[in-house]
C-alpha cells in the first residue's frame, strides 16, 4: 500500500516522529572543562572500566599502567602497576 503524498516527507520518505531539537551554539563566554579536567575525567573512566582484564594496559594522565586486579572485585589503586619505561642499551644505526 503506497503512502499518500500528504503524509510523506520530502522525496517520498516518511516524516520522522518525535521531538525536533535545534542545537544552539554556546555563548562566546561559556566555559567548559579545562584540558587538565578532561584528562582527569578520561583517566577516571579508564580506571573504572568494567571491561578491563588482567594484563590490559591503560594510559592515564599519570602514566601507563598494567591492570593486575580482579575482573570481579572492585578496583583498587594497587590493581594498576606502573609500566616501566623500556631500557635502551647498545648502539643504534639510526
Protein backbone atom coordinates (compact mmCIF):
# COMPACT_ATOMS: atom_id res chain seq x y z
CA UNK A 1 0.00 0.00 0.00
CA UNK A 2 1.62 3.31 -1.03
CA UNK A 3 2.00 6.18 1.41
CA UNK A 4 -0.14 9.13 0.47
CA UNK A 5 1.74 12.28 -0.57
CA UNK A 6 0.08 14.19 2.27
CA UNK A 7 1.86 12.00 4.89
CA UNK A 8 5.21 11.93 3.13
CA UNK A 9 8.26 13.95 3.94
CA UNK A 10 10.49 15.15 1.15
CA UNK A 11 11.29 12.65 -1.61
CA UNK A 12 8.51 10.29 -0.51
CA UNK A 13 10.14 9.26 2.77
CA UNK A 14 8.04 9.12 5.91
CA UNK A 15 8.38 12.11 8.18
CA UNK A 16 10.28 11.35 11.38
CA UNK A 17 8.25 11.36 14.56
CA UNK A 18 9.31 12.67 17.93
CA UNK A 19 10.72 15.94 19.11
CA UNK A 20 12.89 18.04 16.89
CA UNK A 21 15.65 19.78 18.82
CA UNK A 22 17.56 22.64 17.31
CA UNK A 23 21.04 22.85 18.76
CA UNK A 24 22.07 26.35 19.61
CA UNK A 25 25.73 27.38 19.67
CA UNK A 26 27.20 28.01 23.09
CA UNK A 27 27.63 31.64 24.08
CA UNK A 28 31.11 33.02 23.44
CA UNK A 29 31.67 33.41 27.19
CA UNK A 30 30.65 29.81 28.04
CA UNK A 31 33.34 27.98 29.94
CA UNK A 32 33.80 24.23 29.54
CA UNK A 33 36.17 21.87 31.30
CA UNK A 34 39.84 22.67 31.09
CA UNK A 35 42.21 20.33 29.29
CA UNK A 36 43.50 19.12 32.66
CA UNK A 37 39.92 18.40 33.85
CA UNK A 38 39.19 16.48 30.63
CA UNK A 39 42.36 14.40 31.13
CA UNK A 40 41.44 13.66 34.75
CA UNK A 41 37.91 12.62 33.80
CA UNK A 42 39.19 10.39 30.99
CA UNK A 43 41.63 8.77 33.42
CA UNK A 44 38.84 8.11 35.92
CA UNK A 45 36.74 6.50 33.20
CA UNK A 46 39.53 4.16 32.08
CA UNK A 47 40.41 3.17 35.65
CA UNK A 48 36.76 2.30 36.33
CA UNK A 49 36.27 0.43 33.04
CA UNK A 50 34.47 -2.83 33.84
CA UNK A 51 35.81 -4.45 30.65
CA UNK A 52 39.42 -4.37 31.86
CA UNK A 53 41.10 -7.76 32.03
CA UNK A 54 44.32 -8.77 33.76
CA UNK A 55 47.26 -7.66 31.62
CA UNK A 56 45.46 -4.79 29.88
CA UNK A 57 47.49 -1.60 29.57
CA UNK A 58 45.84 1.72 30.31
CA UNK A 59 47.24 5.18 29.65
CA UNK A 60 46.19 7.94 32.04
CA UNK A 61 47.20 11.48 32.84
CA UNK A 62 49.65 9.96 35.37
CA UNK A 63 51.33 7.50 33.03
CA UNK A 64 50.90 3.98 31.63
CA UNK A 65 49.78 1.10 33.85
CA UNK A 66 49.17 -2.65 33.59
CA UNK A 67 45.91 -3.83 35.13
CA UNK A 68 46.66 -6.69 37.54
CA UNK A 69 43.41 -6.72 39.51
CA UNK A 70 40.39 -8.95 39.51
CA UNK A 71 37.58 -8.61 37.00
CA UNK A 72 35.04 -9.46 39.72
CA UNK A 73 36.29 -7.30 42.61
CA UNK A 74 36.04 -3.51 43.00
CA UNK A 75 39.03 -1.60 41.61
CA UNK A 76 41.84 -0.53 43.96
CA UNK A 77 44.79 1.74 43.20
CA UNK A 78 47.12 -1.23 43.73
CA UNK A 79 45.41 -3.03 40.81
CA UNK A 80 47.35 -0.78 38.44
CA UNK A 81 51.10 -1.39 38.23
CA UNK A 82 53.22 1.32 36.58
CA UNK A 83 54.56 0.25 33.22
CA UNK A 84 58.34 0.53 33.32
CA UNK A 85 59.98 2.59 30.62
CA UNK A 86 61.93 0.44 28.14
CA UNK A 87 65.64 0.16 28.76
CA UNK A 88 67.69 1.06 25.71
CA UNK A 89 71.14 -0.46 25.50
CA UNK A 90 73.79 -0.76 22.84
CA UNK A 91 74.33 1.49 19.88
CA UNK A 92 71.94 2.37 17.17
CA UNK A 93 72.48 2.90 13.47
CA UNK A 94 69.68 5.48 13.38
